Amino acid sequence: MSNKGLDFKHKEVINVTNAKRLGYVQDVNAELSTGIITSIVVPGNAKLLNIFSADKDIVIPWSNIKCIGEDVILVEI
């Protein structure tokens, strides 16, 4: 299996401020004109009735990403 540098969906996001596991990357936002990644999106704590709501998603700016490892992304939020 080839390793892609931008394969974020298999990486768990951990907040280094409180060591809390935030979940796995759901989406990546980028500037269309440059292709530069601006943020990653992690699903927030969804209640049963709001499971399809995007309002609870956690958007983490690229500047808050501290380290990207093979299976984890460390962020500071």
Protein backbone atom coordinates (compact mmCIF):
# COMPACT_ATOMS: atom_id res chain seq x y z
CA MET A 1 0.00 0.00 0.00
CA SER A 2 1.44 3.38 -0.95
CA ASN A 3 1.77 6.12 1.65
CA LYS A 4 0.31 9.46 0.57
CA GLY A 5 1.40 12.55 2.43
CA LEU A 6 -2.05 14.09 2.29
CA ASP A 7 -3.99 11.02 3.42
CA PHE A 8 -5.37 12.70 6.55
CA LYS A 9 -8.58 10.68 6.89
CA HIS A 10 -6.73 7.81 8.57
CA LYS A 11 -5.06 10.07 11.12
CA GLU A 12 -6.41 10.68 14.61
CA VAL A 13 -6.35 14.28 15.86
CA ILE A 14 -5.17 14.90 19.43
CA ASN A 15 -5.23 18.23 21.25
CA VAL A 16 -1.87 18.69 23.00
CA THR A 17 -3.35 21.28 25.37
CA ASN A 18 -5.45 18.74 27.27
CA ALA A 19 -4.45 15.40 25.63
CA LYS A 20 -8.03 14.94 24.40
CA ARG A 21 -8.71 12.77 21.37
CA LEU A 22 -10.79 14.80 18.94
CA GLY A 23 -11.41 12.05 16.38
CA TYR A 24 -10.32 11.42 12.83
CA VAL A 25 -10.01 14.03 10.09
CA GLN A 26 -13.29 14.34 8.22
CA ASP A 27 -12.33 16.98 5.65
CA VAL A 28 -9.54 19.32 4.55
CA ASN A 29 -10.10 22.93 3.48
CA ALA A 30 -7.78 24.58 0.96
CA GLU A 31 -7.50 27.77 -1.05
CA LEU A 32 -8.59 26.89 -4.57
CA SER A 33 -6.26 29.35 -6.28
CA THR A 34 -3.08 28.11 -4.58
CA GLY A 35 -3.94 24.62 -3.34
CA ILE A 36 -2.60 25.52 0.10
CA ILE A 37 -4.35 23.70 2.96
CA THR A 38 -5.94 26.22 5.34
CA SER A 39 -7.60 23.94 7.90
CA ILE A 40 -8.71 20.43 8.79
CA VAL A 41 -12.18 19.45 9.98
CA VAL A 42 -12.92 16.94 12.73
CA PRO A 43 -16.47 15.86 13.57
CA GLY A 44 -17.62 17.32 16.88
CA ASN A 45 -19.70 15.67 19.56
CA ALA A 46 -22.95 15.00 17.70
CA LYS A 47 -26.11 14.13 19.57
CA LEU A 48 -28.24 11.31 18.19
CA LEU A 49 -30.76 13.68 16.58
CA ASN A 50 -28.09 16.01 15.21
CA ILE A 51 -25.81 13.36 13.76
CA PHE A 52 -26.00 14.82 10.25
CA SER A 53 -25.50 18.41 11.38
CA ALA A 54 -22.25 20.11 10.40
CA ASP A 55 -22.71 22.75 13.13
CA LYS A 56 -20.75 20.67 15.64
CA ASP A 57 -17.71 20.17 13.42
CA ILE A 58 -14.37 21.39 14.77
CA VAL A 59 -12.42 23.44 12.22
CA ILE A 60 -8.74 23.55 13.11
CA PRO A 61 -6.67 26.23 11.33
CA TRP A 62 -3.42 25.04 9.74
CA SER A 63 -1.47 27.32 12.10
CA ASN A 64 -2.76 25.28 15.06
CA ILE A 65 -1.33 22.01 13.71
CA LYS A 66 1.86 21.28 15.63
CA CYS A 67 2.95 17.89 14.25
CA ILE A 68 1.77 15.40 11.62
CA GLY A 69 2.83 11.83 12.27
CA GLU A 70 2.15 8.54 10.52
CA ASP A 71 -1.11 7.93 12.37
CA VAL A 72 -1.77 11.06 14.46
CA ILE A 73 -1.99 14.82 14.05
CA LEU A 74 -1.15 16.91 17.12
CA VAL A 75 -2.98 20.22 17.35
CA GLU A 76 -3.16 23.02 19.89
CA ILE A 77 -6.64 24.43 20.39
